[in-house]
All heavy atoms as atom14 arrays in JSON, in Angstrom:
{
  "sequence": "NGLVYEGDVTTALAITDEAFVINSFSKYFGMTGW",
  "atom14_mask": [
    [1, 1, 1, 1, 1, 1, 1, 1, 0, 0, 0, 0, 0, 0],
    [1, 1, 1, 1, 0, 0, 0, 0, 0, 0, 0, 0, 0, 0],
    [1, 1, 1, 1, 1, 1, 1, 1, 0, 0, 0, 0, 0, 0],
    [1, 1, 1, 1, 1, 1, 1, 0, 0, 0, 0, 0, 0, 0],
    [1, 1, 1, 1, 1, 1, 1, 1, 1, 1, 1, 1, 0, 0],
    [1, 1, 1, 1, 1, 1, 1, 1, 1, 0, 0, 0, 0, 0],
    [1, 1, 1, 1, 0, 0, 0, 0, 0, 0, 0, 0, 0, 0],
    [1, 1, 1, 1, 1, 1, 1, 1, 0, 0, 0, 0, 0, 0],
    [1, 1, 1, 1, 1, 1, 1, 0, 0, 0, 0, 0, 0, 0],
    [1, 1, 1, 1, 1, 1, 1, 0, 0, 0, 0, 0, 0, 0],
    [1, 1, 1, 1, 1, 1, 1, 0, 0, 0, 0, 0, 0, 0],
    [1, 1, 1, 1, 1, 0, 0, 0, 0, 0, 0, 0, 0, 0],
    [1, 1, 1, 1, 1, 1, 1, 1, 0, 0, 0, 0, 0, 0],
    [1, 1, 1, 1, 1, 0, 0, 0, 0, 0, 0, 0, 0, 0],
    [1, 1, 1, 1, 1, 1, 1, 1, 0, 0, 0, 0, 0, 0],
    [1, 1, 1, 1, 1, 1, 1, 0, 0, 0, 0, 0, 0, 0],
    [1, 1, 1, 1, 1, 1, 1, 1, 0, 0, 0, 0, 0, 0],
    [1, 1, 1, 1, 1, 1, 1, 1, 1, 0, 0, 0, 0, 0],
    [1, 1, 1, 1, 1, 0, 0, 0, 0, 0, 0, 0, 0, 0],
    [1, 1, 1, 1, 1, 1, 1, 1, 1, 1, 1, 0, 0, 0],
    [1, 1, 1, 1, 1, 1, 1, 0, 0, 0, 0, 0, 0, 0],
    [1, 1, 1, 1, 1, 1, 1, 1, 0, 0, 0, 0, 0, 0],
    [1, 1, 1, 1, 1, 1, 1, 1, 0, 0, 0, 0, 0, 0],
    [1, 1, 1, 1, 1, 1, 0, 0, 0, 0, 0, 0, 0, 0],
    [1, 1, 1, 1, 1, 1, 1, 1, 1, 1, 1, 0, 0, 0],
    [1, 1, 1, 1, 1, 1, 0, 0, 0, 0, 0, 0, 0, 0],
    [1, 1, 1, 1, 1, 1, 1, 1, 1, 0, 0, 0, 0, 0],
    [1, 1, 1, 1, 1, 1, 1, 1, 1, 1, 1, 1, 0, 0],
    [1, 1, 1, 1, 1, 1, 1, 1, 1, 1, 1, 0, 0, 0],
    [1, 1, 1, 1, 0, 0, 0, 0, 0, 0, 0, 0, 0, 0],
    [1, 1, 1, 1, 1, 1, 1, 1, 0, 0, 0, 0, 0, 0],
    [1, 1, 1, 1, 1, 1, 1, 0, 0, 0, 0, 0, 0, 0],
    [1, 1, 1, 1, 0, 0, 0, 0, 0, 0, 0, 0, 0, 0],
    [1, 1, 1, 1, 1, 1, 1, 1, 1, 1, 1, 1, 1, 1]
  ],
  "atom14_positions": [
    [[14.34, -2.53, -10.86], [13.28, -3.48, -10.57], [13.26, -4.66, -11.54], [12.86, -5.77, -11.18], [11.92, -2.77, -10.58], [10.81, -3.61, -10.02], [10.05, -4.2, -10.77], [10.71, -3.67, -8.7], [0.0, 0.0, 0.0], [0.0, 0.0, 0.0], [0.0, 0.0, 0.0], [0.0, 0.0, 0.0], [0.0, 0.0, 0.0], [0.0, 0.0, 0.0]],
    [[13.69, -4.44, -12.77], [13.76, -5.55, -13.72], [14.84, -6.55, -13.4], [14.79, -7.7, -13.87], [0.0, 0.0, 0.0], [0.0, 0.0, 0.0], [0.0, 0.0, 0.0], [0.0, 0.0, 0.0], [0.0, 0.0, 0.0], [0.0, 0.0, 0.0], [0.0, 0.0, 0.0], [0.0, 0.0, 0.0], [0.0, 0.0, 0.0], [0.0, 0.0, 0.0]],
    [[15.83, -6.12, -12.62], [16.96, -6.99, -12.28], [16.81, -7.52, -10.87], [17.57, -7.2, -9.96], [18.28, -6.21, -12.43], [18.62, -5.78, -13.86], [19.84, -4.88, -13.88], [18.84, -7.0, -14.76], [0.0, 0.0, 0.0], [0.0, 0.0, 0.0], [0.0, 0.0, 0.0], [0.0, 0.0, 0.0], [0.0, 0.0, 0.0], [0.0, 0.0, 0.0]],
    [[15.79, -8.35, -10.67], [15.58, -9.06, -9.41], [15.71, -10.55, -9.7], [15.2, -11.05, -10.71], [14.19, -8.74, -8.8], [13.95, -9.57, -7.55], [14.1, -7.25, -8.48], [0.0, 0.0, 0.0], [0.0, 0.0, 0.0], [0.0, 0.0, 0.0], [0.0, 0.0, 0.0], [0.0, 0.0, 0.0], [0.0, 0.0, 0.0], [0.0, 0.0, 0.0]],
    [[16.4, -11.27, -8.82], [16.81, -12.63, -9.13], [16.03, -13.7, -8.39], [16.08, -14.87, -8.76], [18.31, -12.78, -8.86], [19.1, -11.7, -9.56], [19.87, -10.8, -8.85], [19.02, -11.56, -10.94], [20.57, -9.79, -9.49], [19.72, -10.55, -11.59], [20.49, -9.67, -10.86], [21.16, -8.66, -11.51], [0.0, 0.0, 0.0], [0.0, 0.0, 0.0]],
    [[15.34, -13.33, -7.33], [14.48, -14.28, -6.64], [13.5, -13.53, -5.77], [13.65, -12.35, -5.53], [15.27, -15.27, -5.78], [16.12, -14.65, -4.7], [17.58, -14.59, -5.08], [18.05, -15.52, -5.75], [18.24, -13.6, -4.74], [0.0, 0.0, 0.0], [0.0, 0.0, 0.0], [0.0, 0.0, 0.0], [0.0, 0.0, 0.0], [0.0, 0.0, 0.0]],
    [[12.46, -14.22, -5.33], [11.46, -13.6, -4.46], [10.29, -13.04, -5.24], [10.19, -13.2, -6.46], [0.0, 0.0, 0.0], [0.0, 0.0, 0.0], [0.0, 0.0, 0.0], [0.0, 0.0, 0.0], [0.0, 0.0, 0.0], [0.0, 0.0, 0.0], [0.0, 0.0, 0.0], [0.0, 0.0, 0.0], [0.0, 0.0, 0.0], [0.0, 0.0, 0.0]],
    [[9.42, -12.38, -4.53], [8.21, -11.81, -5.09], [8.52, -10.49, -5.75], [8.74, -9.47, -5.08], [7.17, -11.63, -3.97], [5.87, -11.01, -4.47], [5.61, -11.11, -5.68], [5.14, -10.42, -3.65], [0.0, 0.0, 0.0], [0.0, 0.0, 0.0], [0.0, 0.0, 0.0], [0.0, 0.0, 0.0], [0.0, 0.0, 0.0], [0.0, 0.0, 0.0]],
    [[8.58, -10.47, -7.07], [8.91, -9.25, -7.8], [7.63, -8.48, -8.07], [6.71, -8.98, -8.73], [9.61, -9.58, -9.14], [10.0, -8.28, -9.85], [10.83, -10.44, -8.9], [0.0, 0.0, 0.0], [0.0, 0.0, 0.0], [0.0, 0.0, 0.0], [0.0, 0.0, 0.0], [0.0, 0.0, 0.0], [0.0, 0.0, 0.0], [0.0, 0.0, 0.0]],
    [[7.56, -7.29, -7.54], [6.36, -6.48, -7.74], [6.77, -5.02, -7.89], [7.95, -4.68, -7.92], [5.37, -6.66, -6.58], [4.13, -6.04, -6.93], [5.9, -6.06, -5.29], [0.0, 0.0, 0.0], [0.0, 0.0, 0.0], [0.0, 0.0, 0.0], [0.0, 0.0, 0.0], [0.0, 0.0, 0.0], [0.0, 0.0, 0.0], [0.0, 0.0, 0.0]],
    [[5.81, -4.15, -7.99], [6.03, -2.72, -8.04], [5.21, -2.07, -6.94], [4.17, -2.59, -6.53], [5.61, -2.15, -9.41], [5.59, -0.7, -9.35], [4.22, -2.63, -9.82], [0.0, 0.0, 0.0], [0.0, 0.0, 0.0], [0.0, 0.0, 0.0], [0.0, 0.0, 0.0], [0.0, 0.0, 0.0], [0.0, 0.0, 0.0], [0.0, 0.0, 0.0]],
    [[5.68, -0.93, -6.47], [4.93, -0.21, -5.44], [3.54, 0.17, -5.94], [2.63, 0.38, -5.13], [5.7, 1.04, -5.03], [0.0, 0.0, 0.0], [0.0, 0.0, 0.0], [0.0, 0.0, 0.0], [0.0, 0.0, 0.0], [0.0, 0.0, 0.0], [0.0, 0.0, 0.0], [0.0, 0.0, 0.0], [0.0, 0.0, 0.0], [0.0, 0.0, 0.0]],
    [[3.36, 0.25, -7.25], [2.05, 0.58, -7.8], [1.02, -0.52, -7.58], [-0.18, -0.29, -7.71], [2.17, 0.88, -9.29], [3.03, 2.12, -9.63], [3.33, 2.16, -11.11], [2.33, 3.39, -9.17], [0.0, 0.0, 0.0], [0.0, 0.0, 0.0], [0.0, 0.0, 0.0], [0.0, 0.0, 0.0], [0.0, 0.0, 0.0], [0.0, 0.0, 0.0]],
    [[1.5, -1.72, -7.24], [0.58, -2.8, -6.87], [0.08, -2.64, -5.43], [-0.85, -3.34, -5.02], [1.27, -4.15, -7.03], [0.0, 0.0, 0.0], [0.0, 0.0, 0.0], [0.0, 0.0, 0.0], [0.0, 0.0, 0.0], [0.0, 0.0, 0.0], [0.0, 0.0, 0.0], [0.0, 0.0, 0.0], [0.0, 0.0, 0.0], [0.0, 0.0, 0.0]],
    [[0.72, -1.73, -4.7], [0.4, -1.54, -3.28], [-0.37, -0.26, -3.04], [-1.29, -0.21, -2.23], [1.72, -1.55, -2.47], [2.39, -2.92, -2.59], [1.47, -1.18, -1.01], [3.82, -2.94, -2.12], [0.0, 0.0, 0.0], [0.0, 0.0, 0.0], [0.0, 0.0, 0.0], [0.0, 0.0, 0.0], [0.0, 0.0, 0.0], [0.0, 0.0, 0.0]],
    [[0.02, 0.8, -3.76], [-0.62, 2.09, -3.56], [-0.64, 2.89, -4.86], [0.33, 2.84, -5.64], [0.1, 2.9, -2.47], [-0.48, 4.21, -2.39], [1.58, 3.03, -2.76], [0.0, 0.0, 0.0], [0.0, 0.0, 0.0], [0.0, 0.0, 0.0], [0.0, 0.0, 0.0], [0.0, 0.0, 0.0], [0.0, 0.0, 0.0], [0.0, 0.0, 0.0]],
    [[-1.71, 3.63, -5.08], [-1.79, 4.55, -6.21], [-1.24, 5.92, -5.87], [-1.18, 6.81, -6.73], [-3.25, 4.7, -6.66], [-3.77, 3.49, -7.41], [-2.95, 2.79, -8.02], [-4.99, 3.25, -7.37], [0.0, 0.0, 0.0], [0.0, 0.0, 0.0], [0.0, 0.0, 0.0], [0.0, 0.0, 0.0], [0.0, 0.0, 0.0], [0.0, 0.0, 0.0]],
    [[-0.84, 6.11, -4.62], [-0.42, 7.43, -4.15], [1.08, 7.65, -4.26], [1.56, 8.76, -4.01], [-0.88, 7.63, -2.7], [-2.38, 7.63, -2.52], [-3.05, 8.74, -3.31], [-2.55, 9.88, -3.28], [-4.05, 8.47, -3.99], [0.0, 0.0, 0.0], [0.0, 0.0, 0.0], [0.0, 0.0, 0.0], [0.0, 0.0, 0.0], [0.0, 0.0, 0.0]],
    [[1.83, 6.63, -4.61], [3.28, 6.77, -4.69], [3.7, 7.4, -6.01], [3.02, 7.29, -7.03], [3.95, 5.41, -4.54], [0.0, 0.0, 0.0], [0.0, 0.0, 0.0], [0.0, 0.0, 0.0], [0.0, 0.0, 0.0], [0.0, 0.0, 0.0], [0.0, 0.0, 0.0], [0.0, 0.0, 0.0], [0.0, 0.0, 0.0], [0.0, 0.0, 0.0]],
    [[4.86, 8.05, -5.97], [5.56, 8.51, -7.17], [6.61, 7.45, -7.48], [7.54, 7.24, -6.69], [6.24, 9.86, -6.93], [5.3, 11.01, -6.81], [4.49, 11.17, -5.69], [5.21, 11.96, -7.82], [3.62, 12.24, -5.57], [4.34, 13.04, -7.71], [3.54, 13.18, -6.59], [0.0, 0.0, 0.0], [0.0, 0.0, 0.0], [0.0, 0.0, 0.0]],
    [[6.47, 6.78, -8.61], [7.36, 5.67, -8.94], [8.26, 6.07, -10.12], [7.77, 6.49, -11.17], [6.56, 4.4, -9.28], [7.49, 3.29, -9.77], [5.81, 3.93, -8.03], [0.0, 0.0, 0.0], [0.0, 0.0, 0.0], [0.0, 0.0, 0.0], [0.0, 0.0, 0.0], [0.0, 0.0, 0.0], [0.0, 0.0, 0.0], [0.0, 0.0, 0.0]],
    [[9.57, 5.93, -9.89], [10.57, 6.31, -10.89], [11.16, 5.05, -11.49], [11.5, 4.1, -10.78], [11.69, 7.15, -10.23], [11.14, 8.48, -9.73], [12.84, 7.39, -11.19], [10.89, 8.53, -8.25], [0.0, 0.0, 0.0], [0.0, 0.0, 0.0], [0.0, 0.0, 0.0], [0.0, 0.0, 0.0], [0.0, 0.0, 0.0], [0.0, 0.0, 0.0]],
    [[11.31, 5.04, -12.82], [11.96, 3.91, -13.48], [12.75, 4.43, -14.67], [12.72, 5.62, -14.98], [10.93, 2.85, -13.9], [11.51, 1.45, -13.87], [12.67, 1.23, -14.23], [10.72, 0.48, -13.42], [0.0, 0.0, 0.0], [0.0, 0.0, 0.0], [0.0, 0.0, 0.0], [0.0, 0.0, 0.0], [0.0, 0.0, 0.0], [0.0, 0.0, 0.0]],
    [[13.46, 3.51, -15.32], [14.41, 3.92, -16.35], [14.65, 2.78, -17.33], [14.48, 1.61, -16.98], [15.73, 4.32, -15.69], [16.76, 4.49, -16.64], [0.0, 0.0, 0.0], [0.0, 0.0, 0.0], [0.0, 0.0, 0.0], [0.0, 0.0, 0.0], [0.0, 0.0, 0.0], [0.0, 0.0, 0.0], [0.0, 0.0, 0.0], [0.0, 0.0, 0.0]],
    [[15.07, 3.13, -18.51], [15.49, 2.13, -19.5], [16.99, 1.84, -19.39], [17.53, 1.06, -20.16], [15.14, 2.61, -20.91], [13.67, 2.59, -21.18], [12.87, 3.69, -20.89], [13.06, 1.46, -21.71], [11.51, 3.67, -21.13], [11.7, 1.43, -21.95], [10.92, 2.52, -21.67], [0.0, 0.0, 0.0], [0.0, 0.0, 0.0], [0.0, 0.0, 0.0]],
    [[17.67, 2.45, -18.43], [19.13, 2.35, -18.35], [19.63, 0.98, -17.93], [20.56, 0.45, -18.54], [19.67, 3.4, -17.39], [19.54, 4.69, -17.92], [0.0, 0.0, 0.0], [0.0, 0.0, 0.0], [0.0, 0.0, 0.0], [0.0, 0.0, 0.0], [0.0, 0.0, 0.0], [0.0, 0.0, 0.0], [0.0, 0.0, 0.0], [0.0, 0.0, 0.0]],
    [[19.06, 0.39, -16.88], [19.68, -0.76, -16.24], [19.18, -2.08, -16.81], [19.94, -2.86, -17.39], [19.45, -0.7, -14.73], [19.81, 0.65, -14.11], [21.26, 1.05, -14.31], [21.57, 2.36, -13.6], [22.97, 2.76, -13.7], [0.0, 0.0, 0.0], [0.0, 0.0, 0.0], [0.0, 0.0, 0.0], [0.0, 0.0, 0.0], [0.0, 0.0, 0.0]],
    [[17.9, -2.38, -16.65], [17.34, -3.64, -17.14], [17.44, -3.73, -18.66], [17.77, -4.79, -19.22], [15.89, -3.76, -16.69], [15.16, -4.98, -17.22], [15.6, -6.27, -16.92], [14.02, -4.83, -17.98], [14.92, -7.38, -17.4], [13.32, -5.94, -18.46], [13.78, -7.22, -18.17], [13.1, -8.32, -18.63], [0.0, 0.0, 0.0], [0.0, 0.0, 0.0]],
    [[17.2, -2.63, -19.34], [17.22, -2.63, -20.79], [18.61, -2.32, -21.37], [18.81, -2.39, -22.58], [16.21, -1.61, -21.33], [14.78, -1.92, -20.96], [14.19, -1.32, -19.87], [14.04, -2.81, -21.71], [12.88, -1.6, -19.52], [12.73, -3.11, -21.38], [12.14, -2.5, -20.28], [0.0, 0.0, 0.0], [0.0, 0.0, 0.0], [0.0, 0.0, 0.0]],
    [[19.57, -1.96, -20.52], [20.93, -1.72, -20.97], [21.06, -0.51, -21.88], [21.78, -0.56, -22.88], [0.0, 0.0, 0.0], [0.0, 0.0, 0.0], [0.0, 0.0, 0.0], [0.0, 0.0, 0.0], [0.0, 0.0, 0.0], [0.0, 0.0, 0.0], [0.0, 0.0, 0.0], [0.0, 0.0, 0.0], [0.0, 0.0, 0.0], [0.0, 0.0, 0.0]],
    [[20.39, 0.59, -21.54], [20.36, 1.76, -22.42], [20.77, 3.02, -21.67], [20.1, 4.05, -21.73], [18.95, 1.91, -23.02], [18.56, 0.77, -23.94], [16.8, 0.75, -24.38], [16.57, 2.41, -25.05], [0.0, 0.0, 0.0], [0.0, 0.0, 0.0], [0.0, 0.0, 0.0], [0.0, 0.0, 0.0], [0.0, 0.0, 0.0], [0.0, 0.0, 0.0]],
    [[21.9, 2.97, -20.97], [22.3, 4.09, -20.12], [22.46, 5.39, -20.9], [21.95, 6.44, -20.5], [23.6, 3.76, -19.39], [24.56, 3.28, -20.34], [23.38, 2.68, -18.34], [0.0, 0.0, 0.0], [0.0, 0.0, 0.0], [0.0, 0.0, 0.0], [0.0, 0.0, 0.0], [0.0, 0.0, 0.0], [0.0, 0.0, 0.0], [0.0, 0.0, 0.0]],
    [[23.19, 5.35, -22.0], [23.49, 6.57, -22.74], [22.32, 7.18, -23.47], [22.41, 8.33, -23.93], [0.0, 0.0, 0.0], [0.0, 0.0, 0.0], [0.0, 0.0, 0.0], [0.0, 0.0, 0.0], [0.0, 0.0, 0.0], [0.0, 0.0, 0.0], [0.0, 0.0, 0.0], [0.0, 0.0, 0.0], [0.0, 0.0, 0.0], [0.0, 0.0, 0.0]],
    [[21.23, 6.47, -23.57], [20.05, 7.01, -24.26], [19.32, 8.02, -23.4], [18.53, 8.81, -23.92], [19.1, 5.87, -24.63], [19.67, 4.94, -25.65], [20.43, 3.82, -25.41], [19.57, 5.05, -27.07], [20.78, 3.22, -26.6], [20.26, 3.97, -27.64], [18.93, 5.97, -27.91], [20.36, 3.77, -29.01], [19.03, 5.77, -29.29], [19.73, 4.69, -29.82]]
  ]
}
């Protein structure tokens, strides 16, 4: 989600509190091995 290049960048949590949202420090933060 941090690596979006155009358009309306949002999170599913802005739409619903009922979702399970998964994220990581691997891609946008460049910390795969951590």
